[in-house]
């Protein structure tokens, strides 16, 4: 669920790149809408659109694969996975204002796969060499995944996970606002 939601949040940048290629930013430039308002709307849009995919994947696990969890774990997983992919929505917005057209989609695909592998969403981080493992633990993909992994073990998120995710989210939001202003 984290892997799919991460991709969905990141690929909001493709829609932004298409809007840019059609001249939508020129139209926004003549409105009184501040940069942070439009970027915030795109972040919220990117974040909200992943909620159904999270619910569908978890529902499929329960209904089709026989996954059994305590009743309270399911809503906690939805919230934690959703919160964990917020940095990727911000990164997607930044990509959308940095690159145009299909180049944006290609770049996002490369980053998506690289972060997924590095973050342990394809293979366990414990199987990685020590240096790569240390780098993985600082990645937003690993920290997003750890929110769900810990919830499955009945544990709350760690402060370090929340801090790393918050730092990446703020960094990517700042990058998105900067790129939006430069794109005008």
N, C-alpha and C. Protein backbone atom coordinates (compact mmCIF):
# COMPACT_ATOMS: atom_id res chain seq x y z
N UNK A 1 0.83 -1.19 0.00
CA UNK A 1 0.00 0.00 0.00
C UNK A 1 0.87 1.25 0.00
N UNK A 2 1.96 1.24 0.74
CA UNK A 2 2.85 2.39 0.77
C UNK A 2 3.48 2.62 -0.60
N UNK A 3 3.91 1.55 -1.22
CA UNK A 3 4.53 1.65 -2.54
C UNK A 3 3.56 2.28 -3.55
N UNK A 4 2.35 1.79 -3.60
CA UNK A 4 1.36 2.32 -4.53
C UNK A 4 0.98 3.76 -4.23
N UNK A 5 0.77 4.07 -2.96
CA UNK A 5 0.40 5.42 -2.57
C UNK A 5 1.53 6.40 -2.84
N UNK A 6 2.75 5.94 -2.62
CA UNK A 6 3.92 6.78 -2.89
C UNK A 6 3.95 7.17 -4.37
N UNK A 7 3.73 6.20 -5.24
CA UNK A 7 3.72 6.48 -6.68
C UNK A 7 2.60 7.41 -7.06
N UNK A 8 1.41 7.17 -6.52
CA UNK A 8 0.28 8.04 -6.82
C UNK A 8 0.52 9.47 -6.40
N UNK A 9 1.10 9.65 -5.22
CA UNK A 9 1.39 11.00 -4.73
C UNK A 9 2.46 11.68 -5.57
N UNK A 10 3.48 10.94 -5.93
CA UNK A 10 4.59 11.50 -6.70
C UNK A 10 4.13 11.93 -8.09
N UNK A 11 3.25 11.16 -8.68
CA UNK A 11 2.89 11.41 -10.07
C UNK A 11 1.88 12.54 -10.25
N UNK A 12 1.55 13.27 -9.19
CA UNK A 12 0.79 14.51 -9.35
C UNK A 12 1.60 15.49 -10.19
N UNK A 13 2.91 15.31 -10.17
CA UNK A 13 3.81 16.17 -10.96
C UNK A 13 3.56 16.06 -12.45
N UNK A 14 3.12 14.91 -12.93
CA UNK A 14 2.83 14.75 -14.35
C UNK A 14 1.68 15.63 -14.79
N UNK A 15 0.65 15.72 -13.95
CA UNK A 15 -0.49 16.59 -14.26
C UNK A 15 -0.06 18.06 -14.27
N UNK A 16 0.81 18.42 -13.35
CA UNK A 16 1.30 19.80 -13.29
C UNK A 16 2.13 20.12 -14.53
N UNK A 17 2.99 19.18 -14.92
CA UNK A 17 3.81 19.40 -16.12
C UNK A 17 2.93 19.59 -17.35
N UNK A 18 1.83 18.84 -17.42
CA UNK A 18 0.91 18.99 -18.55
C UNK A 18 0.22 20.35 -18.50
N UNK A 19 -0.18 20.78 -17.31
CA UNK A 19 -0.80 22.10 -17.16
C UNK A 19 0.16 23.20 -17.61
N UNK A 20 1.40 23.04 -17.24
CA UNK A 20 2.41 24.03 -17.64
C UNK A 20 2.54 24.08 -19.15
N UNK A 21 2.56 22.92 -19.79
CA UNK A 21 2.74 22.89 -21.24
C UNK A 21 1.55 23.49 -21.97
N UNK A 22 0.39 23.54 -21.31
CA UNK A 22 -0.81 24.13 -21.94
C UNK A 22 -1.00 25.59 -21.58
N UNK A 23 -0.06 26.18 -20.84
CA UNK A 23 -0.11 27.60 -20.54
C UNK A 23 -0.93 27.98 -19.31
N UNK A 24 -1.24 27.00 -18.47
CA UNK A 24 -2.05 27.28 -17.29
C UNK A 24 -1.34 28.24 -16.33
N UNK A 25 -0.03 28.15 -16.21
CA UNK A 25 0.69 29.06 -15.30
C UNK A 25 0.58 30.50 -15.77
N UNK A 26 0.52 30.72 -17.08
CA UNK A 26 0.34 32.08 -17.59
C UNK A 26 -0.99 32.65 -17.11
N UNK A 27 -2.01 31.82 -17.09
CA UNK A 27 -3.32 32.26 -16.60
C UNK A 27 -3.27 32.55 -15.11
N UNK A 28 -2.57 31.70 -14.35
CA UNK A 28 -2.48 31.92 -12.90
C UNK A 28 -1.68 33.17 -12.55
N UNK A 29 -0.74 33.52 -13.40
CA UNK A 29 0.12 34.68 -13.13
C UNK A 29 -0.68 35.97 -13.06
N UNK A 30 -1.82 36.04 -13.71
CA UNK A 30 -2.62 37.28 -13.70
C UNK A 30 -3.66 37.27 -12.59
N UNK A 31 -3.68 36.24 -11.77
CA UNK A 31 -4.62 36.19 -10.65
C UNK A 31 -3.90 36.62 -9.36
N UNK A 32 -4.66 36.99 -8.34
CA UNK A 32 -4.02 37.36 -7.06
C UNK A 32 -3.64 36.16 -6.20
N UNK A 33 -3.80 34.95 -6.72
CA UNK A 33 -3.49 33.74 -5.96
C UNK A 33 -2.00 33.69 -5.63
N UNK A 34 -1.66 33.63 -4.33
CA UNK A 34 -0.23 33.54 -3.97
C UNK A 34 0.34 32.17 -4.32
N UNK A 35 1.64 32.12 -4.50
CA UNK A 35 2.31 30.87 -4.87
C UNK A 35 2.01 29.76 -3.88
N UNK A 36 2.07 30.07 -2.61
CA UNK A 36 1.85 29.02 -1.61
C UNK A 36 0.43 28.48 -1.67
N UNK A 37 -0.53 29.29 -2.08
CA UNK A 37 -1.92 28.83 -2.19
C UNK A 37 -2.10 27.77 -3.26
N UNK A 38 -1.52 28.03 -4.44
CA UNK A 38 -1.65 27.08 -5.53
C UNK A 38 -0.85 25.81 -5.25
N UNK A 39 0.35 25.97 -4.73
CA UNK A 39 1.17 24.80 -4.41
C UNK A 39 0.50 23.97 -3.32
N UNK A 40 -0.07 24.62 -2.32
CA UNK A 40 -0.79 23.90 -1.27
C UNK A 40 -1.97 23.12 -1.84
N UNK A 41 -2.70 23.75 -2.75
CA UNK A 41 -3.84 23.06 -3.37
C UNK A 41 -3.37 21.82 -4.13
N UNK A 42 -2.26 21.92 -4.83
CA UNK A 42 -1.73 20.77 -5.56
C UNK A 42 -1.24 19.68 -4.59
N UNK A 43 -0.63 20.09 -3.49
CA UNK A 43 -0.18 19.11 -2.49
C UNK A 43 -1.37 18.37 -1.89
N UNK A 44 -2.40 19.11 -1.55
CA UNK A 44 -3.60 18.49 -0.98
C UNK A 44 -4.23 17.55 -2.01
N UNK A 45 -4.30 18.00 -3.24
CA UNK A 45 -4.85 17.16 -4.31
C UNK A 45 -4.06 15.86 -4.46
N UNK A 46 -2.74 15.98 -4.49
CA UNK A 46 -1.90 14.80 -4.61
C UNK A 46 -2.05 13.86 -3.43
N UNK A 47 -2.22 14.43 -2.24
CA UNK A 47 -2.35 13.60 -1.04
C UNK A 47 -3.71 12.93 -0.96
N UNK A 48 -4.76 13.65 -1.28
CA UNK A 48 -6.11 13.10 -1.17
C UNK A 48 -6.36 11.99 -2.20
N UNK A 49 -5.80 12.14 -3.38
CA UNK A 49 -6.07 11.15 -4.42
C UNK A 49 -5.49 9.77 -4.11
N UNK A 50 -4.57 9.67 -3.17
CA UNK A 50 -4.00 8.36 -2.86
C UNK A 50 -4.81 7.59 -1.81
N UNK A 51 -5.69 8.27 -1.11
CA UNK A 51 -6.47 7.58 -0.07
C UNK A 51 -7.25 6.38 -0.60
N UNK A 52 -7.96 6.51 -1.74
CA UNK A 52 -8.68 5.32 -2.23
C UNK A 52 -7.75 4.14 -2.54
N UNK A 53 -6.58 4.43 -3.08
CA UNK A 53 -5.68 3.31 -3.40
C UNK A 53 -5.20 2.61 -2.14
N UNK A 54 -4.98 3.35 -1.08
CA UNK A 54 -4.57 2.73 0.19
C UNK A 54 -5.68 1.81 0.69
N UNK A 55 -6.90 2.33 0.69
CA UNK A 55 -8.04 1.55 1.17
C UNK A 55 -8.27 0.31 0.31
N UNK A 56 -8.14 0.45 -1.01
CA UNK A 56 -8.34 -0.69 -1.91
C UNK A 56 -7.28 -1.77 -1.68
N UNK A 57 -6.03 -1.38 -1.54
CA UNK A 57 -4.97 -2.37 -1.33
C UNK A 57 -5.16 -3.08 0.01
N UNK A 58 -5.46 -2.33 1.05
CA UNK A 58 -5.69 -2.97 2.35
C UNK A 58 -6.93 -3.84 2.31
N UNK A 59 -7.98 -3.36 1.65
CA UNK A 59 -9.20 -4.16 1.52
C UNK A 59 -8.95 -5.44 0.74
N UNK A 60 -8.17 -5.35 -0.33
CA UNK A 60 -7.83 -6.55 -1.11
C UNK A 60 -7.04 -7.54 -0.25
N UNK A 61 -6.16 -7.01 0.57
CA UNK A 61 -5.40 -7.90 1.46
C UNK A 61 -6.32 -8.65 2.41
N UNK A 62 -7.31 -7.94 2.93
CA UNK A 62 -8.24 -8.57 3.87
C UNK A 62 -9.20 -9.52 3.17
N UNK A 63 -9.75 -9.09 2.04
CA UNK A 63 -10.79 -9.88 1.39
C UNK A 63 -10.27 -10.98 0.48
N UNK A 64 -9.17 -10.73 -0.19
CA UNK A 64 -8.68 -11.68 -1.18
C UNK A 64 -7.51 -12.53 -0.70
N UNK A 65 -6.72 -11.98 0.20
CA UNK A 65 -5.52 -12.70 0.63
C UNK A 65 -5.59 -13.20 2.07
N UNK A 66 -6.69 -12.95 2.72
CA UNK A 66 -6.85 -13.47 4.06
C UNK A 66 -6.03 -12.78 5.14
N UNK A 67 -5.64 -11.54 4.90
CA UNK A 67 -4.88 -10.81 5.93
C UNK A 67 -5.81 -10.53 7.11
N UNK A 68 -5.38 -10.88 8.27
CA UNK A 68 -6.17 -10.67 9.48
C UNK A 68 -5.37 -9.80 10.44
N UNK A 69 -5.97 -8.69 10.83
CA UNK A 69 -5.35 -7.77 11.78
C UNK A 69 -6.41 -7.36 12.80
N UNK A 70 -5.99 -6.88 13.96
CA UNK A 70 -6.97 -6.34 14.90
C UNK A 70 -7.74 -5.19 14.23
N UNK A 71 -9.00 -5.05 14.56
CA UNK A 71 -9.87 -4.06 13.91
C UNK A 71 -9.29 -2.65 13.97
N UNK A 72 -8.68 -2.28 15.07
CA UNK A 72 -8.13 -0.94 15.21
C UNK A 72 -6.89 -0.68 14.37
N UNK A 73 -6.24 -1.73 13.91
CA UNK A 73 -5.02 -1.57 13.12
C UNK A 73 -5.32 -1.05 11.71
N UNK A 74 -6.45 -1.45 11.14
CA UNK A 74 -6.78 -1.04 9.76
C UNK A 74 -6.85 0.47 9.59
N UNK A 75 -7.63 1.18 10.40
CA UNK A 75 -7.67 2.65 10.21
C UNK A 75 -6.34 3.32 10.54
N UNK A 76 -5.61 2.76 11.50
CA UNK A 76 -4.30 3.31 11.84
C UNK A 76 -3.37 3.18 10.64
N UNK A 77 -3.41 2.02 9.97
CA UNK A 77 -2.58 1.82 8.77
C UNK A 77 -2.92 2.84 7.68
N UNK A 78 -4.20 3.07 7.46
CA UNK A 78 -4.60 4.03 6.43
C UNK A 78 -4.01 5.40 6.74
N UNK A 79 -4.17 5.85 7.96
CA UNK A 79 -3.68 7.18 8.35
C UNK A 79 -2.15 7.25 8.26
N UNK A 80 -1.47 6.24 8.77
CA UNK A 80 0.00 6.27 8.77
C UNK A 80 0.58 6.18 7.36
N UNK A 81 0.01 5.32 6.52
CA UNK A 81 0.51 5.23 5.15
C UNK A 81 0.26 6.53 4.43
N UNK A 82 -0.93 7.09 4.62
CA UNK A 82 -1.26 8.38 3.98
C UNK A 82 -0.28 9.47 4.44
N UNK A 83 -0.05 9.57 5.73
CA UNK A 83 0.88 10.59 6.25
C UNK A 83 2.30 10.34 5.73
N UNK A 84 2.67 9.09 5.59
CA UNK A 84 4.02 8.75 5.13
C UNK A 84 4.30 9.14 3.70
N UNK A 85 3.27 9.29 2.87
CA UNK A 85 3.50 9.63 1.47
C UNK A 85 3.38 11.12 1.19
N UNK A 86 3.12 11.93 2.19
CA UNK A 86 3.04 13.38 1.98
C UNK A 86 4.31 13.98 1.36
N UNK A 87 5.51 13.53 1.78
CA UNK A 87 6.70 14.10 1.13
C UNK A 87 6.74 13.83 -0.38
N UNK A 88 6.15 12.73 -0.79
CA UNK A 88 6.18 12.39 -2.22
C UNK A 88 5.22 13.25 -3.03
N UNK A 89 4.12 13.66 -2.41
CA UNK A 89 3.24 14.61 -3.09
C UNK A 89 3.97 15.93 -3.29
N UNK A 90 4.70 16.38 -2.26
CA UNK A 90 5.47 17.62 -2.38
C UNK A 90 6.57 17.50 -3.43
N UNK A 91 7.22 16.35 -3.47
CA UNK A 91 8.27 16.14 -4.47
C UNK A 91 7.66 16.11 -5.87
N UNK A 92 6.51 15.50 -6.01
CA UNK A 92 5.82 15.48 -7.29
C UNK A 92 5.49 16.87 -7.78
N UNK A 93 5.03 17.72 -6.89
CA UNK A 93 4.73 19.11 -7.25
C UNK A 93 6.01 19.81 -7.70
N UNK A 94 7.09 19.58 -6.98
CA UNK A 94 8.37 20.19 -7.37
C UNK A 94 8.82 19.72 -8.74
N UNK A 95 8.67 18.42 -9.02
CA UNK A 95 9.01 17.89 -10.34
C UNK A 95 8.14 18.54 -11.42
N UNK A 96 6.86 18.68 -11.13
CA UNK A 96 5.94 19.26 -12.11
C UNK A 96 6.31 20.67 -12.50
N UNK A 97 6.88 21.42 -11.59
CA UNK A 97 7.29 22.79 -11.88
C UNK A 97 8.74 22.91 -12.32
N UNK A 98 9.44 21.81 -12.31
CA UNK A 98 10.83 21.82 -12.74
C UNK A 98 10.99 21.32 -14.17
N UNK A 99 10.27 20.26 -14.50
CA UNK A 99 10.42 19.62 -15.80
C UNK A 99 9.11 19.72 -16.58
N UNK A 100 9.21 19.59 -17.88
CA UNK A 100 8.02 19.70 -18.72
C UNK A 100 7.69 18.38 -19.40
N UNK A 101 6.39 18.19 -19.65
CA UNK A 101 5.90 17.08 -20.44
C UNK A 101 6.36 15.71 -19.97
N UNK A 102 6.71 14.88 -20.93
CA UNK A 102 7.09 13.50 -20.65
C UNK A 102 8.41 13.39 -19.89
N UNK A 103 9.25 14.41 -19.97
CA UNK A 103 10.50 14.39 -19.22
C UNK A 103 10.21 14.33 -17.73
N UNK A 104 9.17 15.05 -17.30
CA UNK A 104 8.78 15.02 -15.88
C UNK A 104 8.37 13.61 -15.48
N UNK A 105 7.57 12.95 -16.29
CA UNK A 105 7.13 11.58 -15.98
C UNK A 105 8.30 10.61 -15.93
N UNK A 106 9.22 10.74 -16.85
CA UNK A 106 10.39 9.86 -16.87
C UNK A 106 11.24 10.07 -15.62
N UNK A 107 11.50 11.32 -15.28
CA UNK A 107 12.30 11.62 -14.09
C UNK A 107 11.62 11.11 -12.83
N UNK A 108 10.31 11.29 -12.74
CA UNK A 108 9.59 10.82 -11.56
C UNK A 108 9.63 9.29 -11.47
N UNK A 109 9.53 8.62 -12.61
CA UNK A 109 9.59 7.16 -12.62
C UNK A 109 10.94 6.67 -12.11
N UNK A 110 12.01 7.30 -12.55
CA UNK A 110 13.35 6.92 -12.10
C UNK A 110 13.50 7.14 -10.60
N UNK A 111 13.07 8.31 -10.13
CA UNK A 111 13.16 8.61 -8.70
C UNK A 111 12.28 7.65 -7.90
N UNK A 112 11.09 7.37 -8.39
CA UNK A 112 10.16 6.46 -7.73
C UNK A 112 10.78 5.08 -7.53
N UNK A 113 11.33 4.52 -8.59
CA UNK A 113 11.93 3.20 -8.48
C UNK A 113 13.18 3.23 -7.59
N UNK A 114 14.01 4.25 -7.76
CA UNK A 114 15.23 4.33 -6.95
C UNK A 114 14.89 4.46 -5.46
N UNK A 115 13.94 5.32 -5.14
CA UNK A 115 13.57 5.48 -3.73
C UNK A 115 12.90 4.23 -3.17
N UNK A 116 12.13 3.55 -4.00
CA UNK A 116 11.46 2.32 -3.55
C UNK A 116 12.48 1.24 -3.21
N UNK A 117 13.47 1.08 -4.06
CA UNK A 117 14.52 0.09 -3.81
C UNK A 117 15.33 0.50 -2.59
N UNK A 118 15.80 1.74 -2.57
CA UNK A 118 16.61 2.22 -1.45
C UNK A 118 15.84 2.18 -0.14
N UNK A 119 14.55 2.47 -0.20
CA UNK A 119 13.75 2.52 1.02
C UNK A 119 13.29 1.18 1.54
N UNK A 120 13.68 0.09 0.89
CA UNK A 120 13.34 -1.22 1.39
C UNK A 120 11.92 -1.67 1.04
N UNK A 121 11.31 -1.04 0.06
CA UNK A 121 9.96 -1.44 -0.34
C UNK A 121 9.97 -2.60 -1.32
N UNK A 122 11.12 -2.90 -1.90
CA UNK A 122 11.24 -4.04 -2.82
C UNK A 122 11.99 -5.19 -2.18
N UNK A 123 12.97 -4.88 -1.35
CA UNK A 123 13.74 -5.90 -0.67
C UNK A 123 14.10 -5.37 0.71
N UNK A 124 14.25 -6.27 1.67
CA UNK A 124 14.52 -5.82 3.04
C UNK A 124 15.82 -5.01 3.13
N UNK A 125 15.77 -3.95 3.90
CA UNK A 125 16.95 -3.11 4.11
C UNK A 125 18.06 -3.92 4.77
N UNK A 126 17.69 -4.91 5.57
CA UNK A 126 18.68 -5.74 6.24
C UNK A 126 19.54 -6.52 5.26
N UNK A 127 19.06 -6.72 4.03
CA UNK A 127 19.83 -7.44 3.02
C UNK A 127 20.81 -6.54 2.29
N UNK A 128 20.76 -5.25 2.56
CA UNK A 128 21.64 -4.29 1.88
C UNK A 128 22.99 -4.19 2.59
N UNK A 129 24.03 -3.77 1.87
CA UNK A 129 25.31 -3.49 2.52
C UNK A 129 25.15 -2.39 3.57
N UNK A 130 26.02 -2.36 4.54
CA UNK A 130 25.90 -1.45 5.68
C UNK A 130 25.78 0.01 5.26
N UNK A 131 26.59 0.47 4.32
CA UNK A 131 26.52 1.87 3.89
C UNK A 131 25.20 2.21 3.24
N UNK A 132 24.70 1.30 2.42
CA UNK A 132 23.41 1.52 1.77
C UNK A 132 22.27 1.47 2.78
N UNK A 133 22.42 0.62 3.78
CA UNK A 133 21.40 0.51 4.83
C UNK A 133 21.31 1.81 5.61
N UNK A 134 22.44 2.42 5.92
CA UNK A 134 22.44 3.70 6.64
C UNK A 134 21.78 4.80 5.81
N UNK A 135 22.08 4.80 4.52
CA UNK A 135 21.46 5.77 3.62
C UNK A 135 19.96 5.52 3.51
N UNK A 136 19.57 4.26 3.44
CA UNK A 136 18.16 3.89 3.33
C UNK A 136 17.35 4.42 4.51
N UNK A 137 17.92 4.34 5.70
CA UNK A 137 17.19 4.76 6.89
C UNK A 137 16.95 6.26 6.94
N UNK A 138 17.66 7.01 6.11
CA UNK A 138 17.43 8.46 6.03
C UNK A 138 16.47 8.81 4.89
N UNK A 139 16.09 7.82 4.11
CA UNK A 139 15.24 8.10 2.96
C UNK A 139 13.77 8.20 3.38
N UNK A 140 13.01 9.04 2.68
CA UNK A 140 11.59 9.13 3.02
C UNK A 140 10.83 7.85 2.72
N UNK A 141 11.25 7.08 1.73
CA UNK A 141 10.55 5.83 1.41
C UNK A 141 10.68 4.82 2.56
N UNK A 142 11.87 4.71 3.11
CA UNK A 142 12.06 3.78 4.23
C UNK A 142 11.23 4.21 5.43
N UNK A 143 11.27 5.51 5.73
CA UNK A 143 10.53 6.00 6.90
C UNK A 143 9.02 5.87 6.69
N UNK A 144 8.55 6.09 5.46
CA UNK A 144 7.13 5.89 5.17
C UNK A 144 6.76 4.42 5.36
N UNK A 145 7.59 3.53 4.86
CA UNK A 145 7.35 2.10 5.05
C UNK A 145 7.38 1.69 6.51
N UNK A 146 8.30 2.29 7.26
CA UNK A 146 8.43 1.91 8.67
C UNK A 146 7.19 2.25 9.49
N UNK A 147 6.46 3.28 9.06
CA UNK A 147 5.22 3.61 9.78
C UNK A 147 4.26 2.42 9.73
N UNK A 148 4.10 1.86 8.54
CA UNK A 148 3.22 0.70 8.39
C UNK A 148 3.78 -0.55 9.03
N UNK A 149 5.07 -0.78 8.85
CA UNK A 149 5.69 -1.98 9.44
C UNK A 149 5.53 -1.99 10.95
N UNK A 150 5.75 -0.84 11.58
CA UNK A 150 5.62 -0.76 13.04
C UNK A 150 4.17 -0.95 13.47
N UNK A 151 3.24 -0.37 12.70
CA UNK A 151 1.82 -0.52 13.04
C UNK A 151 1.42 -1.99 12.98
N UNK A 152 1.95 -2.72 12.01
CA UNK A 152 1.64 -4.15 11.91
C UNK A 152 2.17 -4.93 13.11
N UNK A 153 3.24 -4.42 13.71
CA UNK A 153 3.79 -5.04 14.91
C UNK A 153 3.13 -4.52 16.19
N UNK A 154 2.14 -3.64 16.03
CA UNK A 154 1.45 -3.07 17.19
C UNK A 154 2.23 -1.96 17.88
N UNK A 155 3.20 -1.37 17.18
CA UNK A 155 4.04 -0.34 17.76
C UNK A 155 3.71 1.03 17.16
N UNK A 156 3.86 2.09 17.95
CA UNK A 156 3.64 3.42 17.40
C UNK A 156 4.84 3.86 16.56
N UNK A 157 4.65 4.88 15.73
CA UNK A 157 5.79 5.39 14.96
C UNK A 157 6.87 5.92 15.90
N UNK A 158 8.10 5.86 15.44
CA UNK A 158 9.19 6.42 16.25
C UNK A 158 9.27 7.92 15.99
N UNK A 159 9.81 8.63 16.95
CA UNK A 159 10.03 10.06 16.77
C UNK A 159 10.99 10.34 15.62
N UNK A 160 11.97 9.46 15.45
CA UNK A 160 12.93 9.64 14.36
C UNK A 160 12.24 9.52 13.01
N UNK A 161 11.34 8.56 12.86
CA UNK A 161 10.62 8.41 11.59
C UNK A 161 9.80 9.65 11.28
N UNK A 162 9.09 10.13 12.28
CA UNK A 162 8.26 11.32 12.07
C UNK A 162 9.11 12.55 11.77
N UNK A 163 10.25 12.66 12.45
CA UNK A 163 11.14 13.80 12.21
C UNK A 163 11.74 13.76 10.80
N UNK A 164 12.18 12.58 10.38
CA UNK A 164 12.76 12.45 9.04
C UNK A 164 11.70 12.75 7.98
N UNK A 165 10.50 12.21 8.14
CA UNK A 165 9.43 12.49 7.18
C UNK A 165 9.04 13.96 7.17
N UNK A 166 8.98 14.57 8.33
CA UNK A 166 8.65 16.00 8.40
C UNK A 166 9.74 16.84 7.72
N UNK A 167 10.99 16.48 7.94
CA UNK A 167 12.09 17.22 7.31
C UNK A 167 12.03 17.10 5.79
N UNK A 168 11.82 15.88 5.28
CA UNK A 168 11.71 15.70 3.82
C UNK A 168 10.50 16.45 3.27
N UNK A 169 9.39 16.42 4.01
CA UNK A 169 8.18 17.12 3.54
C UNK A 169 8.44 18.61 3.46
N UNK A 170 9.03 19.18 4.48
CA UNK A 170 9.34 20.62 4.46
C UNK A 170 10.32 20.98 3.36
N UNK A 171 11.33 20.16 3.19
CA UNK A 171 12.31 20.39 2.13
C UNK A 171 11.65 20.35 0.76
N UNK A 172 10.84 19.33 0.51
CA UNK A 172 10.19 19.20 -0.80
C UNK A 172 9.13 20.28 -1.01
N UNK A 173 8.45 20.70 0.06
CA UNK A 173 7.48 21.81 -0.05
C UNK A 173 8.20 23.10 -0.41
N UNK A 174 9.31 23.37 0.24
CA UNK A 174 10.09 24.57 -0.09
C UNK A 174 10.58 24.52 -1.53
N UNK A 175 11.03 23.36 -1.95
CA UNK A 175 11.47 23.19 -3.34
C UNK A 175 10.31 23.41 -4.30
N UNK A 176 9.13 22.91 -3.96
CA UNK A 176 7.95 23.08 -4.82
C UNK A 176 7.57 24.55 -4.95
N UNK A 177 7.56 25.28 -3.85
CA UNK A 177 7.22 26.71 -3.90
C UNK A 177 8.26 27.47 -4.71
N UNK A 178 9.53 27.16 -4.49
CA UNK A 178 10.60 27.83 -5.23
C UNK A 178 10.48 27.56 -6.73
N UNK A 179 10.24 26.31 -7.09
CA UNK A 179 10.11 25.96 -8.51
C UNK A 179 8.87 26.59 -9.13
N UNK A 180 7.79 26.68 -8.37
CA UNK A 180 6.58 27.33 -8.87
C UNK A 180 6.86 28.80 -9.19
N UNK A 181 7.51 29.47 -8.27
CA UNK A 181 7.83 30.90 -8.49
C UNK A 181 8.77 31.08 -9.68
N UNK A 182 9.71 30.17 -9.85
CA UNK A 182 10.64 30.26 -10.98
C UNK A 182 9.94 29.94 -12.31
N UNK A 183 8.90 29.10 -12.26
CA UNK A 183 8.20 28.71 -13.48
C UNK A 183 7.31 29.82 -14.01
N UNK A 184 6.93 30.77 -13.15
CA UNK A 184 6.05 31.85 -13.59
C UNK A 184 6.76 32.81 -14.54
